[in-house]
Amino acid sequence: MINSLEFQTKIKKGKIYIPEKYQQELTEEDEITVILLKQPKKISPTGVIAELTENPISVKNIRKLTREDIYNL
């Protein structure tokens, strides 16, 4: 019986999936402790501005500002 194990997985619909190779060693009666370590999101090496230029975020009802609007805010 294993005492501890480590694996990477994704959360799908609120569930953490255990790889099949470990499932046989676990039963529904086992009590386990789960520790989550979230991997940081990778940002492009050219920076966040380049990332947003390549993959802009869509915003509903956005109003583009003119130069005059910017200085009159």
PDB file of N, CA and C in Angstrom:
ATOM      1  N   MET A   1       0.847  -1.196   0.000  1.00  0.00           N
ATOM      2  CA  MET A   1       0.000   0.000   0.000  1.00  0.00           C
ATOM      3  C   MET A   1       0.884   1.248   0.000  1.00  0.00           C
ATOM      4  N   ILE A   2       0.531   2.218  -0.809  1.00  0.00           N
ATOM      5  CA  ILE A   2       1.299   3.460  -0.885  1.00  0.00           C
ATOM      6  C   ILE A   2       0.951   4.375   0.282  1.00  0.00           C
ATOM      7  N   ASN A   3       1.935   5.138   0.736  1.00  0.00           N
ATOM      8  CA  ASN A   3       1.684   6.113   1.795  1.00  0.00           C
ATOM      9  C   ASN A   3       1.436   7.489   1.216  1.00  0.00           C
ATOM     10  N   SER A   4       2.109   7.797   0.111  1.00  0.00           N
ATOM     11  CA  SER A   4       1.911   9.089  -0.535  1.00  0.00           C
ATOM     12  C   SER A   4       2.195   8.935  -2.021  1.00  0.00           C
ATOM     13  N   LEU A   5       1.623   9.828  -2.797  1.00  0.00           N
ATOM     14  CA  LEU A   5       1.883   9.843  -4.219  1.00  0.00           C
ATOM     15  C   LEU A   5       1.728  11.256  -4.733  1.00  0.00           C
ATOM     16  N   GLU A   6       2.333  11.489  -5.880  1.00  0.00           N
ATOM     17  CA  GLU A   6       2.277  12.825  -6.486  1.00  0.00           C
ATOM     18  C   GLU A   6       2.000  12.663  -7.970  1.00  0.00           C
ATOM     19  N   PHE A   7       1.083  13.462  -8.483  1.00  0.00           N
ATOM     20  CA  PHE A   7       0.778  13.446  -9.903  1.00  0.00           C
ATOM     21  C   PHE A   7       0.181  14.786 -10.288  1.00  0.00           C
ATOM     22  N   GLN A   8       0.223  15.094 -11.583  1.00  0.00           N
ATOM     23  CA  GLN A   8      -0.402  16.306 -12.088  1.00  0.00           C
ATOM     24  C   GLN A   8      -1.678  15.919 -12.799  1.00  0.00           C
ATOM     25  N   THR A   9      -2.718  16.722 -12.606  1.00  0.00           N
ATOM     26  CA  THR A   9      -4.001  16.465 -13.232  1.00  0.00           C
ATOM     27  C   THR A   9      -4.726  17.785 -13.395  1.00  0.00           C
ATOM     28  N   LYS A  10      -5.865  17.741 -14.017  1.00  0.00           N
ATOM     29  CA  LYS A  10      -6.687  18.931 -14.187  1.00  0.00           C
ATOM     30  C   LYS A  10      -7.995  18.722 -13.442  1.00  0.00           C
ATOM     31  N   ILE A  11      -8.609  19.823 -13.072  1.00  0.00           N
ATOM     32  CA  ILE A  11      -9.921  19.781 -12.447  1.00  0.00           C
ATOM     33  C   ILE A  11     -10.947  19.910 -13.564  1.00  0.00           C
ATOM     34  N   LYS A  12     -11.869  18.961 -13.638  1.00  0.00           N
ATOM     35  CA  LYS A  12     -12.912  18.975 -14.666  1.00  0.00           C
ATOM     36  C   LYS A  12     -14.266  18.911 -13.991  1.00  0.00           C
ATOM     37  N   LYS A  13     -15.061  19.955 -14.213  1.00  0.00           N
ATOM     38  CA  LYS A  13     -16.403  20.046 -13.623  1.00  0.00           C
ATOM     39  C   LYS A  13     -16.349  19.873 -12.101  1.00  0.00           C
ATOM     40  N   GLY A  14     -15.339  20.473 -11.485  1.00  0.00           N
ATOM     41  CA  GLY A  14     -15.226  20.454 -10.031  1.00  0.00           C
ATOM     42  C   GLY A  14     -14.665  19.170  -9.451  1.00  0.00           C
ATOM     43  N   LYS A  15     -14.197  18.246 -10.283  1.00  0.00           N
ATOM     44  CA  LYS A  15     -13.676  16.969  -9.796  1.00  0.00           C
ATOM     45  C   LYS A  15     -12.206  16.835 -10.144  1.00  0.00           C
ATOM     46  N   ILE A  16     -11.445  16.296  -9.201  1.00  0.00           N
ATOM     47  CA  ILE A  16     -10.030  16.015  -9.415  1.00  0.00           C
ATOM     48  C   ILE A  16      -9.931  14.549  -9.821  1.00  0.00           C
ATOM     49  N   TYR A  17      -9.360  14.308 -10.975  1.00  0.00           N
ATOM     50  CA  TYR A  17      -9.263  12.942 -11.473  1.00  0.00           C
ATOM     51  C   TYR A  17      -7.942  12.304 -11.071  1.00  0.00           C
ATOM     52  N   ILE A  18      -8.032  11.092 -10.516  1.00  0.00           N
ATOM     53  CA  ILE A  18      -6.860  10.324 -10.116  1.00  0.00           C
ATOM     54  C   ILE A  18      -6.462   9.446 -11.292  1.00  0.00           C
ATOM     55  N   PRO A  19      -5.185   9.481 -11.710  1.00  0.00           N
ATOM     56  CA  PRO A  19      -4.756   8.643 -12.825  1.00  0.00           C
ATOM     57  C   PRO A  19      -5.050   7.159 -12.567  1.00  0.00           C
ATOM     58  N   GLU A  20      -5.385   6.451 -13.626  1.00  0.00           N
ATOM     59  CA  GLU A  20      -5.770   5.046 -13.512  1.00  0.00           C
ATOM     60  C   GLU A  20      -4.721   4.203 -12.796  1.00  0.00           C
ATOM     61  N   LYS A  21      -3.441   4.499 -12.998  1.00  0.00           N
ATOM     62  CA  LYS A  21      -2.399   3.667 -12.383  1.00  0.00           C
ATOM     63  C   LYS A  21      -2.421   3.739 -10.854  1.00  0.00           C
ATOM     64  N   TYR A  22      -3.077   4.755 -10.273  1.00  0.00           N
ATOM     65  CA  TYR A  22      -3.173   4.865  -8.812  1.00  0.00           C
ATOM     66  C   TYR A  22      -4.537   4.415  -8.288  1.00  0.00           C
ATOM     67  N   GLN A  23      -5.531   4.364  -9.140  1.00  0.00           N
ATOM     68  CA  GLN A  23      -6.891   4.050  -8.693  1.00  0.00           C
ATOM     69  C   GLN A  23      -6.982   2.671  -8.045  1.00  0.00           C
ATOM     70  N   GLN A  24      -6.217   1.692  -8.525  1.00  0.00           N
ATOM     71  CA  GLN A  24      -6.304   0.342  -7.984  1.00  0.00           C
ATOM     72  C   GLN A  24      -5.821   0.259  -6.539  1.00  0.00           C
ATOM     73  N   GLU A  25      -4.990   1.205  -6.125  1.00  0.00           N
ATOM     74  CA  GLU A  25      -4.472   1.188  -4.760  1.00  0.00           C
ATOM     75  C   GLU A  25      -5.361   1.961  -3.783  1.00  0.00           C
ATOM     76  N   LEU A  26      -6.413   2.596  -4.284  1.00  0.00           N
ATOM     77  CA  LEU A  26      -7.309   3.375  -3.440  1.00  0.00           C
ATOM     78  C   LEU A  26      -8.710   2.773  -3.477  1.00  0.00           C
ATOM     79  N   THR A  27      -9.358   2.783  -2.343  1.00  0.00           N
ATOM     80  CA  THR A  27     -10.739   2.312  -2.297  1.00  0.00           C
ATOM     81  C   THR A  27     -11.617   3.437  -1.770  1.00  0.00           C
ATOM     82  N   GLU A  28     -12.928   3.293  -1.919  1.00  0.00           N
ATOM     83  CA  GLU A  28     -13.844   4.332  -1.445  1.00  0.00           C
ATOM     84  C   GLU A  28     -13.833   4.457   0.074  1.00  0.00           C
ATOM     85  N   GLU A  29     -13.347   3.444   0.782  1.00  0.00           N
ATOM     86  CA  GLU A  29     -13.284   3.492   2.245  1.00  0.00           C
ATOM     87  C   GLU A  29     -12.034   4.212   2.745  1.00  0.00           C
ATOM     88  N   ASP A  30     -11.040   4.408   1.879  1.00  0.00           N
ATOM     89  CA  ASP A  30      -9.798   5.072   2.280  1.00  0.00           C
ATOM     90  C   ASP A  30     -10.063   6.536   2.618  1.00  0.00           C
ATOM     91  N   GLU A  31      -9.424   6.985   3.678  1.00  0.00           N
ATOM     92  CA  GLU A  31      -9.462   8.402   4.025  1.00  0.00           C
ATOM     93  C   GLU A  31      -8.151   9.002   3.532  1.00  0.00           C
ATOM     94  N   ILE A  32      -8.252  10.079   2.766  1.00  0.00           N
ATOM     95  CA  ILE A  32      -7.056  10.685   2.187  1.00  0.00           C
ATOM     96  C   ILE A  32      -6.992  12.169   2.545  1.00  0.00           C
ATOM     97  N   THR A  33      -5.809  12.731   2.403  1.00  0.00           N
ATOM     98  CA  THR A  33      -5.601  14.163   2.556  1.00  0.00           C
ATOM     99  C   THR A  33      -5.148  14.680   1.202  1.00  0.00           C
ATOM    100  N   VAL A  34      -5.765  15.762   0.739  1.00  0.00           N
ATOM    101  CA  VAL A  34      -5.427  16.334  -0.559  1.00  0.00           C
ATOM    102  C   VAL A  34      -4.790  17.694  -0.337  1.00  0.00           C
ATOM    103  N   ILE A  35      -3.648  17.909  -0.953  1.00  0.00           N
ATOM    104  CA  ILE A  35      -2.962  19.201  -0.923  1.00  0.00           C
ATOM    105  C   ILE A  35      -2.858  19.664  -2.367  1.00  0.00           C
ATOM    106  N   LEU A  36      -3.375  20.847  -2.661  1.00  0.00           N
ATOM    107  CA  LEU A  36      -3.350  21.377  -4.019  1.00  0.00           C
ATOM    108  C   LEU A  36      -2.262  22.430  -4.162  1.00  0.00           C
ATOM    109  N   LEU A  37      -1.471  22.310  -5.211  1.00  0.00           N
ATOM    110  CA  LEU A  37      -0.460  23.302  -5.550  1.00  0.00           C
ATOM    111  C   LEU A  37      -0.770  23.772  -6.957  1.00  0.00           C
ATOM    112  N   LYS A  38      -1.351  24.948  -7.065  1.00  0.00           N
ATOM    113  CA  LYS A  38      -1.751  25.470  -8.371  1.00  0.00           C
ATOM    114  C   LYS A  38      -0.527  25.976  -9.115  1.00  0.00           C
ATOM    115  N   GLN A  39      -0.382  25.537 -10.373  1.00  0.00           N
ATOM    116  CA  GLN A  39       0.732  25.969 -11.201  1.00  0.00           C
ATOM    117  C   GLN A  39       0.470  27.396 -11.680  1.00  0.00           C
ATOM    118  N   PRO A  40       1.471  28.275 -11.609  1.00  0.00           N
ATOM    119  CA  PRO A  40       1.260  29.642 -12.094  1.00  0.00           C
ATOM    120  C   PRO A  40       1.037  29.654 -13.603  1.00  0.00           C
ATOM    121  N   LYS A  41       0.191  30.558 -14.047  1.00  0.00           N
ATOM    122  CA  LYS A  41      -0.072  30.688 -15.478  1.00  0.00           C
ATOM    123  C   LYS A  41       1.172  31.240 -16.151  1.00  0.00           C
ATOM    124  N   LYS A  42       1.534  30.616 -17.257  1.00  0.00           N
ATOM    125  CA  LYS A  42       2.723  31.050 -17.977  1.00  0.00           C
ATOM    126  C   LYS A  42       2.402  32.274 -18.814  1.00  0.00           C
ATOM    127  N   ILE A  43       3.228  33.303 -18.674  1.00  0.00           N
ATOM    128  CA  ILE A  43       3.085  34.523 -19.460  1.00  0.00           C
ATOM    129  C   ILE A  43       4.180  34.522 -20.511  1.00  0.00           C
ATOM    130  N   SER A  44       3.843  34.993 -21.658  1.00  0.00           N
ATOM    131  CA  SER A  44       4.781  35.015 -22.777  1.00  0.00           C
ATOM    132  C   SER A  44       6.083  35.693 -22.365  1.00  0.00           C
ATOM    133  N   PRO A  45       7.214  35.200 -22.885  1.00  0.00           N
ATOM    134  CA  PRO A  45       8.503  35.793 -22.522  1.00  0.00           C
ATOM    135  C   PRO A  45       8.642  37.245 -22.963  1.00  0.00           C
ATOM    136  N   THR A  46       7.816  37.679 -23.923  1.00  0.00           N
ATOM    137  CA  THR A  46       7.897  39.061 -24.370  1.00  0.00           C
ATOM    138  C   THR A  46       7.071  39.984 -23.489  1.00  0.00           C
ATOM    139  N   GLY A  47       6.343  39.424 -22.524  1.00  0.00           N
ATOM    140  CA  GLY A  47       5.610  40.245 -21.574  1.00  0.00           C
ATOM    141  C   GLY A  47       4.106  40.221 -21.763  1.00  0.00           C
ATOM    142  N   VAL A  48       3.427  40.777 -20.784  1.00  0.00           N
ATOM    143  CA  VAL A  48       1.972  40.755 -20.758  1.00  0.00           C
ATOM    144  C   VAL A  48       1.366  41.608 -21.869  1.00  0.00           C
ATOM    145  N   ILE A  49       2.009  42.715 -22.242  1.00  0.00           N
ATOM    146  CA  ILE A  49       1.484  43.572 -23.312  1.00  0.00           C
ATOM    147  C   ILE A  49       1.488  42.818 -24.632  1.00  0.00           C
ATOM    148  N   ALA A  50       2.580  42.123 -24.928  1.00  0.00           N
ATOM    149  CA  ALA A  50       2.652  41.334 -26.162  1.00  0.00           C
ATOM    150  C   ALA A  50       1.616  40.211 -26.131  1.00  0.00           C
ATOM    151  N   GLU A  51       1.418  39.604 -24.973  1.00  0.00           N
ATOM    152  CA  GLU A  51       0.427  38.534 -24.824  1.00  0.00           C
ATOM    153  C   GLU A  51      -0.976  39.061 -25.115  1.00  0.00           C
ATOM    154  N   LEU A  52      -1.310  40.228 -24.579  1.00  0.00           N
ATOM    155  CA  LEU A  52      -2.633  40.818 -24.810  1.00  0.00           C
ATOM    156  C   LEU A  52      -2.793  41.305 -26.245  1.00  0.00           C
ATOM    157  N   THR A  53      -1.717  41.765 -26.863  1.00  0.00           N
ATOM    158  CA  THR A  53      -1.779  42.186 -28.260  1.00  0.00           C
ATOM    159  C   THR A  53      -2.095  40.994 -29.153  1.00  0.00           C
ATOM    160  N   GLU A  54      -1.475  39.854 -28.858  1.00  0.00           N
ATOM    161  CA  GLU A  54      -1.711  38.639 -29.635  1.00  0.00           C
ATOM    162  C   GLU A  54      -3.071  38.013 -29.324  1.00  0.00           C
ATOM    163  N   ASN A  55      -3.516  38.128 -28.068  1.00  0.00           N
ATOM    164  CA  ASN A  55      -4.766  37.503 -27.620  1.00  0.00           C
ATOM    165  C   ASN A  55      -5.603  38.520 -26.851  1.00  0.00           C
ATOM    166  N   PRO A  56      -6.217  39.475 -27.549  1.00  0.00           N
ATOM    167  CA  PRO A  56      -6.972  40.516 -26.843  1.00  0.00           C
ATOM    168  C   PRO A  56      -8.175  39.938 -26.091  1.00  0.00           C
ATOM    169  N   ILE A  57      -8.521  40.591 -24.998  1.00  0.00           N
ATOM    170  CA  ILE A  57      -9.673  40.195 -24.191  1.00  0.00           C
ATOM    171  C   ILE A  57     -10.897  40.928 -24.711  1.00  0.00           C
ATOM    172  N   SER A  58     -11.941  40.189 -24.986  1.00  0.00           N
ATOM    173  CA  SER A  58     -13.174  40.781 -25.502  1.00  0.00           C
ATOM    174  C   SER A  58     -13.998  41.346 -24.338  1.00  0.00           C
ATOM    175  N   VAL A  59     -14.438  42.592 -24.479  1.00  0.00           N
ATOM    176  CA  VAL A  59     -15.240  43.248 -23.448  1.00  0.00           C
ATOM    177  C   VAL A  59     -16.520  43.763 -24.097  1.00  0.00           C
ATOM    178  N   LYS A  60     -17.666  43.354 -23.542  1.00  0.00           N
ATOM    179  CA  LYS A  60     -18.948  43.802 -24.097  1.00  0.00           C
ATOM    180  C   LYS A  60     -19.161  45.287 -23.805  1.00  0.00           C
ATOM    181  N   ASN A  61     -19.811  45.961 -24.724  1.00  0.00           N
ATOM    182  CA  ASN A  61     -20.200  47.372 -24.574  1.00  0.00           C
ATOM    183  C   ASN A  61     -19.021  48.299 -24.282  1.00  0.00           C
ATOM    184  N   ILE A  62     -17.882  48.004 -24.831  1.00  0.00           N
ATOM    185  CA  ILE A  62     -16.728  48.875 -24.614  1.00  0.00           C
ATOM    186  C   ILE A  62     -16.862  50.121 -25.487  1.00  0.00           C
ATOM    187  N   ARG A  63     -16.453  51.245 -24.933  1.00  0.00           N
ATOM    188  CA  ARG A  63     -16.521  52.509 -25.672  1.00  0.00           C
ATOM    189  C   ARG A  63     -15.094  52.962 -25.918  1.00  0.00           C
ATOM    190  N   LYS A  64     -14.731  53.081 -27.179  1.00  0.00           N
ATOM    191  CA  LYS A  64     -13.385  53.530 -27.519  1.00  0.00           C
ATOM    192  C   LYS A  64     -13.278  55.024 -27.248  1.00  0.00           C
ATOM    193  N   LEU A  65     -12.204  55.390 -26.578  1.00  0.00           N
ATOM    194  CA  LEU A  65     -11.999  56.791 -26.216  1.00  0.00           C
ATOM    195  C   LEU A  65     -11.193  57.519 -27.289  1.00  0.00           C
ATOM    196  N   THR A  66     -11.561  58.753 -27.506  1.00  0.00           N
ATOM    197  CA  THR A  66     -10.776  59.619 -28.390  1.00  0.00           C
ATOM    198  C   THR A  66      -9.702  60.282 -27.541  1.00  0.00           C
ATOM    199  N   ARG A  67      -8.769  60.931 -28.186  1.00  0.00           N
ATOM    200  CA  ARG A  67      -7.732  61.652 -27.451  1.00  0.00           C
ATOM    201  C   ARG A  67      -8.372  62.711 -26.545  1.00  0.00           C
ATOM    202  N   GLU A  68      -9.393  63.380 -27.049  1.00  0.00           N
ATOM    203  CA  GLU A  68     -10.094  64.401 -26.274  1.00  0.00           C
ATOM    204  C   GLU A  68     -10.752  63.772 -25.042  1.00  0.00           C
ATOM    205  N   ASP A  69     -11.398  62.626 -25.220  1.00  0.00           N
ATOM    206  CA  ASP A  69     -12.020  61.933 -24.083  1.00  0.00           C
ATOM    207  C   ASP A  69     -11.008  61.608 -22.986  1.00  0.00           C
ATOM    208  N   ILE A  70      -9.841  61.161 -23.397  1.00  0.00           N
ATOM    209  CA  ILE A  70      -8.814  60.759 -22.438  1.00  0.00           C
ATOM    210  C   ILE A  70      -8.390  61.945 -21.569  1.00  0.00           C
ATOM    211  N   TYR A  71      -8.185  63.093 -22.190  1.00  0.00           N
ATOM    212  CA  TYR A  71      -7.700  64.253 -21.436  1.00  0.00           C
ATOM    213  C   TYR A  71      -8.809  64.961 -20.658  1.00  0.00           C
ATOM    214  N   ASN A  72     -10.058  64.638 -20.946  1.00  0.00           N
ATOM    215  CA  ASN A  72     -11.162  65.265 -20.233  1.00  0.00           C
ATOM    216  C   ASN A  72     -11.750  64.386 -19.136  1.00  0.00           C
ATOM    217  N   LEU A  73     -11.145  63.251 -18.873  1.00  0.00           N
ATOM    218  CA  LEU A  73     -11.670  62.365 -17.815  1.00  0.00           C
ATOM    219  C   LEU A  73     -11.406  62.897 -16.459  1.00  0.00           C
TER     220      LEU A  73
END
